[in-house]
Amino acid sequence: MKILHLADSKTILKHVNNFKSSHYLNLPNGKVISIGEIADVHEADLLVDGAIALPHMLSSETIGPEVAASLAHLGITAEHKTFDAMLALKKMHAAFSPNSF
């Protein structure tokens, strides 16, 4: 299953080889948003290093203020869900399209 993560570029680059497949976008605030498939054990290490996992794209859970701050340039707020964020992100990179799941 593909999961979205928000982290700094150093953290993503440290763990990039642990993803089965992944794509990422550099964000204006210096953070990186990635989408990819990663084993649970490797994801745990990624999260320990400070990455934030966004809720599943079909979850009713909101993305929260920290993720929203990184995506504010796309009109995303803390009340948006991952699916909403993906719709905005797909305009910048096709891998973030909800259809790619």
C-alpha atoms as a PDB file:
ATOM      1  CA  MET A   1       0.000   0.000   0.000  1.00  0.00           C
ATOM      2  CA  LYS A   2       1.254   3.478  -0.862  1.00  0.00           C
ATOM      3  CA  ILE A   3       1.670   5.893   2.020  1.00  0.00           C
ATOM      4  CA  LEU A   4       2.346   9.624   2.050  1.00  0.00           C
ATOM      5  CA  HIS A   5       4.995  11.005   4.379  1.00  0.00           C
ATOM      6  CA  LEU A   6       6.174  14.503   5.196  1.00  0.00           C
ATOM      7  CA  ALA A   7       9.777  14.960   6.292  1.00  0.00           C
ATOM      8  CA  ASP A   8      12.856  17.013   5.690  1.00  0.00           C
ATOM      9  CA  SER A   9      14.898  16.076   2.628  1.00  0.00           C
ATOM     10  CA  LYS A  10      17.756  14.637   4.696  1.00  0.00           C
ATOM     11  CA  THR A  11      15.398  12.135   6.337  1.00  0.00           C
ATOM     12  CA  ILE A  12      13.792  11.076   3.063  1.00  0.00           C
ATOM     13  CA  LEU A  13      17.190  10.617   1.409  1.00  0.00           C
ATOM     14  CA  LYS A  14      18.399   8.543   4.377  1.00  0.00           C
ATOM     15  CA  HIS A  15      15.485   6.127   3.910  1.00  0.00           C
ATOM     16  CA  VAL A  16      14.952   6.262   0.140  1.00  0.00           C
ATOM     17  CA  ASN A  17      16.449   2.813  -0.441  1.00  0.00           C
ATOM     18  CA  ASN A  18      13.946   1.268   1.987  1.00  0.00           C
ATOM     19  CA  PHE A  19      11.018   2.149  -0.259  1.00  0.00           C
ATOM     20  CA  LYS A  20       9.860  -0.471  -2.747  1.00  0.00           C
ATOM     21  CA  SER A  21       8.804   2.422  -4.956  1.00  0.00           C
ATOM     22  CA  SER A  22       8.511   6.129  -4.260  1.00  0.00           C
ATOM     23  CA  HIS A  23       8.153   9.619  -5.655  1.00  0.00           C
ATOM     24  CA  TYR A  24       8.577  12.893  -3.867  1.00  0.00           C
ATOM     25  CA  LEU A  25       8.142  16.620  -4.209  1.00  0.00           C
ATOM     26  CA  ASN A  26      10.251  19.342  -2.662  1.00  0.00           C
ATOM     27  CA  LEU A  27       8.019  21.874  -0.925  1.00  0.00           C
ATOM     28  CA  PRO A  28       8.638  25.628  -0.586  1.00  0.00           C
ATOM     29  CA  ASN A  29       9.247  25.391   3.170  1.00  0.00           C
ATOM     30  CA  GLY A  30      12.153  22.962   2.710  1.00  0.00           C
ATOM     31  CA  LYS A  31      10.149  19.849   3.550  1.00  0.00           C
ATOM     32  CA  VAL A  32       9.534  16.930   1.209  1.00  0.00           C
ATOM     33  CA  ILE A  33       6.302  15.037   0.652  1.00  0.00           C
ATOM     34  CA  SER A  34       6.716  11.491  -0.569  1.00  0.00           C
ATOM     35  CA  ILE A  35       4.406   8.766  -1.768  1.00  0.00           C
ATOM     36  CA  GLY A  36       5.556   5.199  -1.850  1.00  0.00           C
ATOM     37  CA  GLU A  37       5.477   1.649  -0.630  1.00  0.00           C
ATOM     38  CA  ILE A  38       7.585   0.862   2.409  1.00  0.00           C
ATOM     39  CA  ALA A  39       7.671  -2.139   4.754  1.00  0.00           C
ATOM     40  CA  ASP A  40       6.335  -1.557   8.271  1.00  0.00           C
ATOM     41  CA  VAL A  41       9.731  -2.084   9.891  1.00  0.00           C
ATOM     42  CA  HIS A  42      11.339   0.531   7.628  1.00  0.00           C
ATOM     43  CA  GLU A  43       8.440   2.920   8.078  1.00  0.00           C
ATOM     44  CA  ALA A  44       8.897   2.709  11.844  1.00  0.00           C
ATOM     45  CA  ASP A  45      12.513   3.829  11.404  1.00  0.00           C
ATOM     46  CA  LEU A  46      11.417   6.658   9.102  1.00  0.00           C
ATOM     47  CA  LEU A  47       8.923   7.873  11.699  1.00  0.00           C
ATOM     48  CA  VAL A  48      11.524   7.678  14.476  1.00  0.00           C
ATOM     49  CA  ASP A  49      13.659  10.032  12.372  1.00  0.00           C
ATOM     50  CA  GLY A  50      10.862  12.609  12.388  1.00  0.00           C
ATOM     51  CA  ALA A  51       8.747  11.850   9.333  1.00  0.00           C
ATOM     52  CA  ILE A  52       4.982  12.235   9.598  1.00  0.00           C
ATOM     53  CA  ALA A  53       2.747   9.629   7.988  1.00  0.00           C
ATOM     54  CA  LEU A  54      -0.427  11.111   6.537  1.00  0.00           C
ATOM     55  CA  PRO A  55      -3.673   9.212   7.171  1.00  0.00           C
ATOM     56  CA  HIS A  56      -4.734   6.719   4.506  1.00  0.00           C
ATOM     57  CA  MET A  57      -6.264   8.496   1.518  1.00  0.00           C
ATOM     58  CA  LEU A  58      -9.753   7.122   2.315  1.00  0.00           C
ATOM     59  CA  SER A  59      -9.581   7.959   6.017  1.00  0.00           C
ATOM     60  CA  SER A  60     -11.906  10.599   7.443  1.00  0.00           C
ATOM     61  CA  GLU A  61      -9.040  11.809   9.650  1.00  0.00           C
ATOM     62  CA  THR A  62      -7.704  15.277   8.828  1.00  0.00           C
ATOM     63  CA  ILE A  63      -4.067  15.933   7.960  1.00  0.00           C
ATOM     64  CA  GLY A  64      -3.496  18.310  10.867  1.00  0.00           C
ATOM     65  CA  PRO A  65      -1.694  21.628  11.243  1.00  0.00           C
ATOM     66  CA  GLU A  66       1.916  20.554  10.648  1.00  0.00           C
ATOM     67  CA  VAL A  67       1.226  18.872   7.315  1.00  0.00           C
ATOM     68  CA  ALA A  68      -1.166  21.659   6.338  1.00  0.00           C
ATOM     69  CA  ALA A  69       1.505  24.289   6.969  1.00  0.00           C
ATOM     70  CA  SER A  70       3.755  22.546   4.450  1.00  0.00           C
ATOM     71  CA  LEU A  71       0.962  22.387   1.859  1.00  0.00           C
ATOM     72  CA  ALA A  72      -0.562  25.828   2.484  1.00  0.00           C
ATOM     73  CA  HIS A  73       0.783  27.098  -0.854  1.00  0.00           C
ATOM     74  CA  LEU A  74      -1.659  24.657  -2.484  1.00  0.00           C
ATOM     75  CA  GLY A  75      -4.633  25.941  -0.493  1.00  0.00           C
ATOM     76  CA  ILE A  76      -4.573  23.006   1.913  1.00  0.00           C
ATOM     77  CA  THR A  77      -5.666  23.589   5.511  1.00  0.00           C
ATOM     78  CA  ALA A  78      -5.541  21.459   8.658  1.00  0.00           C
ATOM     79  CA  GLU A  79      -9.164  20.433   8.122  1.00  0.00           C
ATOM     80  CA  HIS A  80      -8.443  18.809   4.767  1.00  0.00           C
ATOM     81  CA  LYS A  81      -8.057  15.077   4.407  1.00  0.00           C
ATOM     82  CA  THR A  82      -5.259  13.225   2.629  1.00  0.00           C
ATOM     83  CA  PHE A  83      -7.486  12.707  -0.414  1.00  0.00           C
ATOM     84  CA  ASP A  84      -7.912  16.503  -0.709  1.00  0.00           C
ATOM     85  CA  ALA A  85      -4.164  17.009  -0.426  1.00  0.00           C
ATOM     86  CA  MET A  86      -3.563  14.411  -3.134  1.00  0.00           C
ATOM     87  CA  LEU A  87      -5.924  16.189  -5.509  1.00  0.00           C
ATOM     88  CA  ALA A  88      -3.855  19.360  -5.078  1.00  0.00           C
ATOM     89  CA  LEU A  89      -0.503  17.538  -5.251  1.00  0.00           C
ATOM     90  CA  LYS A  90      -1.393  15.649  -8.436  1.00  0.00           C
ATOM     91  CA  LYS A  91      -1.303  18.983 -10.276  1.00  0.00           C
ATOM     92  CA  MET A  92       2.424  19.049  -9.523  1.00  0.00           C
ATOM     93  CA  HIS A  93       3.216  15.321  -9.910  1.00  0.00           C
ATOM     94  CA  ALA A  94       1.036  12.579 -11.399  1.00  0.00           C
ATOM     95  CA  ALA A  95       2.191  10.011  -8.813  1.00  0.00           C
ATOM     96  CA  PHE A  96       0.083  11.781  -6.196  1.00  0.00           C
ATOM     97  CA  SER A  97      -3.146  11.154  -8.101  1.00  0.00           C
ATOM     98  CA  PRO A  98      -5.637   9.140  -6.062  1.00  0.00           C
ATOM     99  CA  ASN A  99      -6.138   7.072  -9.228  1.00  0.00           C
ATOM    100  CA  SER A 100      -2.600   5.693  -8.842  1.00  0.00           C
ATOM    101  CA  PHE A 101      -3.607   3.635  -5.805  1.00  0.00           C
END
